[in-house]
Amino acid sequence: TWRRPNTSTPEKGGNTVIVGHRLTYDGPAVFYHLDKVQVGDPIVLYWQSKKYEYSVSEIKVVPPSEIAVESGTPDARLTLYTCTPLWSAKDRLVIVAKPMEVE
């Protein structure tokens, strides 16, 4: 997985975008089960030794040309995406998560 250049980072707010493969020639990759994620699921991200917690707020499938998923946002969010369906680069599975309230 890698953070898309020119997107935000968790400590700055805005849209932090991380992309990854579901499959490699060696088999399942980091985002292999990303299609199993559901709205409300927690996501934990460690960035520069700090823990950031998010809750999935939106799941969608878009064409590869839909680059707006990487656009900056006024609100803090984490956007994850990968190719879908398995064995195809036809579309992109996009998971959007919002920061969880820290108590």
N, C-alpha and C. Protein backbone atom coordinates (compact mmCIF):
# COMPACT_ATOMS: atom_id res chain seq x y z
N THR A 1 0.85 -1.18 0.00
CA THR A 1 0.00 0.00 0.00
C THR A 1 0.89 1.23 0.00
N TRP A 2 0.35 2.32 -0.48
CA TRP A 2 1.09 3.56 -0.47
C TRP A 2 0.13 4.74 -0.44
N ARG A 3 0.61 5.86 0.13
CA ARG A 3 -0.17 7.09 0.15
C ARG A 3 0.01 7.80 -1.18
N ARG A 4 -1.09 8.24 -1.76
CA ARG A 4 -1.03 8.93 -3.04
C ARG A 4 -0.35 10.28 -2.85
N PRO A 5 0.63 10.59 -3.71
CA PRO A 5 1.27 11.91 -3.66
C PRO A 5 0.22 13.00 -3.82
N ASN A 6 0.49 14.13 -3.24
CA ASN A 6 -0.38 15.31 -3.34
C ASN A 6 -1.72 15.13 -2.63
N THR A 7 -1.82 14.12 -1.76
CA THR A 7 -2.99 14.03 -0.89
C THR A 7 -2.51 14.33 0.52
N SER A 8 -3.45 14.53 1.44
CA SER A 8 -3.11 14.95 2.79
C SER A 8 -2.50 13.82 3.60
N THR A 9 -2.23 14.12 4.85
CA THR A 9 -1.77 13.13 5.82
C THR A 9 -2.66 13.28 7.06
N PRO A 10 -2.77 12.24 7.88
CA PRO A 10 -3.73 12.28 8.99
C PRO A 10 -3.60 13.48 9.93
N GLU A 11 -2.39 13.90 10.23
CA GLU A 11 -2.25 15.00 11.19
C GLU A 11 -2.66 16.35 10.60
N LYS A 12 -2.75 16.44 9.29
CA LYS A 12 -3.13 17.71 8.64
C LYS A 12 -4.62 17.83 8.39
N GLY A 13 -5.36 16.73 8.51
CA GLY A 13 -6.77 16.75 8.16
C GLY A 13 -6.91 16.62 6.65
N GLY A 14 -8.05 16.95 6.11
CA GLY A 14 -8.25 16.80 4.67
C GLY A 14 -8.36 15.33 4.28
N ASN A 15 -8.11 15.03 3.01
CA ASN A 15 -8.31 13.70 2.46
C ASN A 15 -6.98 12.96 2.34
N THR A 16 -6.75 12.00 3.23
CA THR A 16 -5.59 11.13 3.17
C THR A 16 -5.98 9.93 2.31
N VAL A 17 -5.28 9.72 1.21
CA VAL A 17 -5.65 8.67 0.26
C VAL A 17 -4.57 7.59 0.23
N ILE A 18 -5.00 6.35 0.49
CA ILE A 18 -4.09 5.21 0.46
C ILE A 18 -4.63 4.20 -0.54
N VAL A 19 -3.77 3.74 -1.43
CA VAL A 19 -4.16 2.77 -2.44
C VAL A 19 -3.33 1.50 -2.27
N GLY A 20 -3.87 0.41 -2.76
CA GLY A 20 -3.14 -0.85 -2.66
C GLY A 20 -3.74 -1.90 -3.57
N HIS A 21 -2.96 -2.95 -3.77
CA HIS A 21 -3.40 -4.06 -4.61
C HIS A 21 -4.24 -5.05 -3.81
N ARG A 22 -5.14 -5.74 -4.49
CA ARG A 22 -5.87 -6.86 -3.89
C ARG A 22 -5.14 -8.16 -4.17
N LEU A 23 -4.50 -8.23 -5.32
CA LEU A 23 -3.76 -9.43 -5.72
C LEU A 23 -2.43 -9.04 -6.32
N THR A 24 -1.46 -9.93 -6.14
CA THR A 24 -0.19 -9.82 -6.84
C THR A 24 0.07 -11.16 -7.50
N TYR A 25 1.13 -11.26 -8.23
CA TYR A 25 1.46 -12.54 -8.86
C TYR A 25 1.72 -13.63 -7.83
N ASP A 26 2.03 -13.23 -6.59
CA ASP A 26 2.28 -14.19 -5.51
C ASP A 26 1.02 -14.57 -4.75
N GLY A 27 -0.11 -13.91 -5.04
CA GLY A 27 -1.35 -14.23 -4.34
C GLY A 27 -1.97 -13.01 -3.71
N PRO A 28 -2.79 -13.20 -2.65
CA PRO A 28 -3.50 -12.10 -2.01
C PRO A 28 -2.55 -11.00 -1.52
N ALA A 29 -2.99 -9.76 -1.66
CA ALA A 29 -2.22 -8.61 -1.21
C ALA A 29 -2.97 -7.91 -0.07
N VAL A 30 -2.45 -6.78 0.37
CA VAL A 30 -2.96 -6.07 1.55
C VAL A 30 -4.46 -5.79 1.48
N PHE A 31 -4.97 -5.36 0.35
CA PHE A 31 -6.39 -5.02 0.24
C PHE A 31 -7.24 -6.15 -0.33
N TYR A 32 -6.77 -7.38 -0.23
CA TYR A 32 -7.50 -8.53 -0.78
C TYR A 32 -8.94 -8.58 -0.28
N HIS A 33 -9.15 -8.36 1.01
CA HIS A 33 -10.48 -8.47 1.60
C HIS A 33 -11.17 -7.11 1.76
N LEU A 34 -10.72 -6.09 1.06
CA LEU A 34 -11.33 -4.77 1.22
C LEU A 34 -12.82 -4.78 0.86
N ASP A 35 -13.23 -5.69 0.01
CA ASP A 35 -14.65 -5.79 -0.35
C ASP A 35 -15.52 -6.33 0.78
N LYS A 36 -14.91 -6.79 1.85
CA LYS A 36 -15.66 -7.30 3.01
C LYS A 36 -15.96 -6.21 4.03
N VAL A 37 -15.35 -5.04 3.88
CA VAL A 37 -15.54 -3.93 4.81
C VAL A 37 -16.98 -3.43 4.70
N GLN A 38 -17.55 -3.04 5.85
CA GLN A 38 -18.92 -2.54 5.89
C GLN A 38 -18.96 -1.17 6.55
N VAL A 39 -20.00 -0.40 6.23
CA VAL A 39 -20.19 0.91 6.87
C VAL A 39 -20.25 0.69 8.37
N GLY A 40 -19.52 1.53 9.10
CA GLY A 40 -19.45 1.43 10.56
C GLY A 40 -18.23 0.68 11.06
N ASP A 41 -17.56 -0.08 10.19
CA ASP A 41 -16.36 -0.81 10.62
C ASP A 41 -15.25 0.16 11.00
N PRO A 42 -14.46 -0.19 12.02
CA PRO A 42 -13.32 0.65 12.40
C PRO A 42 -12.12 0.37 11.49
N ILE A 43 -11.33 1.41 11.29
CA ILE A 43 -10.04 1.28 10.58
C ILE A 43 -9.01 2.00 11.43
N VAL A 44 -7.89 1.36 11.67
CA VAL A 44 -6.80 1.96 12.43
C VAL A 44 -5.63 2.18 11.49
N LEU A 45 -5.07 3.38 11.53
CA LEU A 45 -3.94 3.75 10.70
C LEU A 45 -2.84 4.29 11.61
N TYR A 46 -1.63 3.79 11.44
CA TYR A 46 -0.49 4.33 12.17
C TYR A 46 0.30 5.20 11.21
N TRP A 47 0.49 6.45 11.59
CA TRP A 47 1.20 7.40 10.74
C TRP A 47 2.22 8.11 11.61
N GLN A 48 3.49 7.97 11.27
CA GLN A 48 4.59 8.56 12.02
C GLN A 48 4.47 8.25 13.51
N SER A 49 4.27 6.96 13.81
CA SER A 49 4.20 6.41 15.16
C SER A 49 2.98 6.87 15.96
N LYS A 50 2.02 7.49 15.32
CA LYS A 50 0.80 7.91 16.01
C LYS A 50 -0.38 7.12 15.45
N LYS A 51 -1.29 6.75 16.35
CA LYS A 51 -2.47 5.95 15.98
C LYS A 51 -3.64 6.87 15.62
N TYR A 52 -4.25 6.61 14.48
CA TYR A 52 -5.44 7.34 14.03
C TYR A 52 -6.55 6.32 13.84
N GLU A 53 -7.73 6.62 14.39
CA GLU A 53 -8.86 5.71 14.30
C GLU A 53 -9.98 6.33 13.47
N TYR A 54 -10.52 5.52 12.58
CA TYR A 54 -11.57 5.96 11.67
C TYR A 54 -12.73 4.98 11.70
N SER A 55 -13.88 5.44 11.20
CA SER A 55 -15.05 4.60 11.04
C SER A 55 -15.51 4.72 9.60
N VAL A 56 -15.76 3.58 8.95
CA VAL A 56 -16.17 3.59 7.54
C VAL A 56 -17.52 4.28 7.42
N SER A 57 -17.59 5.27 6.54
CA SER A 57 -18.83 6.03 6.35
C SER A 57 -19.44 5.83 4.97
N GLU A 58 -18.64 5.37 4.01
CA GLU A 58 -19.16 5.23 2.65
C GLU A 58 -18.36 4.17 1.90
N ILE A 59 -19.06 3.41 1.08
CA ILE A 59 -18.44 2.41 0.22
C ILE A 59 -19.04 2.59 -1.17
N LYS A 60 -18.17 2.68 -2.18
CA LYS A 60 -18.70 2.85 -3.54
C LYS A 60 -17.74 2.23 -4.55
N VAL A 61 -18.26 1.96 -5.72
CA VAL A 61 -17.47 1.47 -6.84
C VAL A 61 -17.55 2.54 -7.93
N VAL A 62 -16.38 2.95 -8.42
CA VAL A 62 -16.31 3.99 -9.44
C VAL A 62 -15.42 3.53 -10.59
N PRO A 63 -15.54 4.16 -11.75
CA PRO A 63 -14.62 3.83 -12.84
C PRO A 63 -13.22 4.38 -12.54
N PRO A 64 -12.19 3.84 -13.18
CA PRO A 64 -10.82 4.32 -12.95
C PRO A 64 -10.63 5.80 -13.27
N SER A 65 -11.47 6.33 -14.13
CA SER A 65 -11.37 7.74 -14.50
C SER A 65 -11.89 8.69 -13.43
N GLU A 66 -12.52 8.16 -12.39
CA GLU A 66 -13.12 8.98 -11.33
C GLU A 66 -12.04 9.40 -10.33
N ILE A 67 -11.19 10.34 -10.75
CA ILE A 67 -10.06 10.75 -9.91
C ILE A 67 -10.47 11.71 -8.79
N ALA A 68 -11.73 12.13 -8.78
CA ALA A 68 -12.20 13.02 -7.72
C ALA A 68 -12.08 12.38 -6.34
N VAL A 69 -11.99 11.05 -6.25
CA VAL A 69 -11.85 10.40 -4.94
C VAL A 69 -10.55 10.82 -4.26
N GLU A 70 -9.60 11.38 -5.03
CA GLU A 70 -8.33 11.84 -4.47
C GLU A 70 -8.33 13.34 -4.17
N SER A 71 -9.41 14.02 -4.47
CA SER A 71 -9.46 15.47 -4.27
C SER A 71 -9.37 15.85 -2.80
N GLY A 72 -8.83 17.03 -2.56
CA GLY A 72 -8.78 17.55 -1.20
C GLY A 72 -10.18 17.79 -0.66
N THR A 73 -10.32 17.70 0.64
CA THR A 73 -11.61 17.93 1.28
C THR A 73 -11.42 18.85 2.48
N PRO A 74 -12.46 19.63 2.83
CA PRO A 74 -12.34 20.49 4.01
C PRO A 74 -12.39 19.68 5.31
N ASP A 75 -13.01 18.50 5.25
CA ASP A 75 -13.11 17.64 6.43
C ASP A 75 -12.01 16.57 6.41
N ALA A 76 -11.65 16.11 7.59
CA ALA A 76 -10.66 15.03 7.70
C ALA A 76 -11.31 13.73 7.30
N ARG A 77 -10.62 12.95 6.47
CA ARG A 77 -11.12 11.63 6.07
C ARG A 77 -9.97 10.78 5.60
N LEU A 78 -10.23 9.48 5.57
CA LEU A 78 -9.30 8.51 5.02
C LEU A 78 -10.01 7.85 3.85
N THR A 79 -9.36 7.85 2.69
CA THR A 79 -9.91 7.20 1.51
C THR A 79 -8.98 6.07 1.12
N LEU A 80 -9.54 4.87 1.04
CA LEU A 80 -8.79 3.70 0.59
C LEU A 80 -9.40 3.26 -0.73
N TYR A 81 -8.55 2.87 -1.69
CA TYR A 81 -9.13 2.27 -2.89
C TYR A 81 -8.21 1.26 -3.54
N THR A 82 -8.87 0.38 -4.31
CA THR A 82 -8.19 -0.73 -4.96
C THR A 82 -8.99 -1.13 -6.19
N CYS A 83 -8.42 -1.95 -7.03
CA CYS A 83 -9.13 -2.44 -8.21
C CYS A 83 -10.21 -3.44 -7.80
N THR A 84 -11.28 -3.46 -8.58
CA THR A 84 -12.36 -4.41 -8.36
C THR A 84 -13.05 -4.69 -9.68
N PRO A 85 -13.60 -5.85 -9.94
CA PRO A 85 -13.59 -7.04 -9.09
C PRO A 85 -12.21 -7.71 -9.08
N LEU A 86 -12.09 -8.76 -8.27
CA LEU A 86 -10.82 -9.49 -8.24
C LEU A 86 -10.43 -9.90 -9.65
N TRP A 87 -9.16 -9.92 -9.93
CA TRP A 87 -8.59 -10.32 -11.22
C TRP A 87 -8.93 -9.34 -12.34
N SER A 88 -9.34 -8.12 -11.97
CA SER A 88 -9.71 -7.15 -12.99
C SER A 88 -9.35 -5.74 -12.52
N ALA A 89 -9.05 -4.87 -13.47
CA ALA A 89 -8.83 -3.46 -13.17
C ALA A 89 -9.99 -2.63 -13.72
N LYS A 90 -11.14 -3.28 -13.92
CA LYS A 90 -12.31 -2.63 -14.54
C LYS A 90 -12.77 -1.41 -13.75
N ASP A 91 -12.89 -1.51 -12.43
CA ASP A 91 -13.39 -0.44 -11.59
C ASP A 91 -12.51 -0.27 -10.36
N ARG A 92 -12.90 0.70 -9.52
CA ARG A 92 -12.20 0.94 -8.26
C ARG A 92 -13.19 0.82 -7.11
N LEU A 93 -12.83 0.04 -6.11
CA LEU A 93 -13.58 -0.04 -4.87
C LEU A 93 -13.03 1.04 -3.95
N VAL A 94 -13.90 1.93 -3.51
CA VAL A 94 -13.50 3.08 -2.70
C VAL A 94 -14.16 2.99 -1.33
N ILE A 95 -13.34 3.10 -0.29
CA ILE A 95 -13.80 3.10 1.09
C ILE A 95 -13.46 4.47 1.67
N VAL A 96 -14.46 5.16 2.19
CA VAL A 96 -14.24 6.46 2.83
C VAL A 96 -14.53 6.29 4.32
N ALA A 97 -13.62 6.78 5.15
CA ALA A 97 -13.78 6.66 6.60
C ALA A 97 -13.53 8.02 7.25
N LYS A 98 -14.30 8.29 8.29
CA LYS A 98 -14.19 9.56 9.03
C LYS A 98 -13.50 9.29 10.36
N PRO A 99 -12.78 10.28 10.89
CA PRO A 99 -12.12 10.10 12.19
C PRO A 99 -13.13 9.77 13.28
N MET A 100 -12.74 8.86 14.16
CA MET A 100 -13.58 8.54 15.31
C MET A 100 -13.29 9.55 16.40
N GLU A 101 -14.30 9.83 17.19
CA GLU A 101 -14.11 10.74 18.33
C GLU A 101 -13.21 10.06 19.35
N VAL A 102 -12.18 10.75 19.79
CA VAL A 102 -11.26 10.21 20.79
C VAL A 102 -11.73 10.67 22.16
N GLU A 103 -11.85 9.72 23.07
CA GLU A 103 -12.33 10.06 24.43
C GLU A 103 -11.17 10.30 25.34
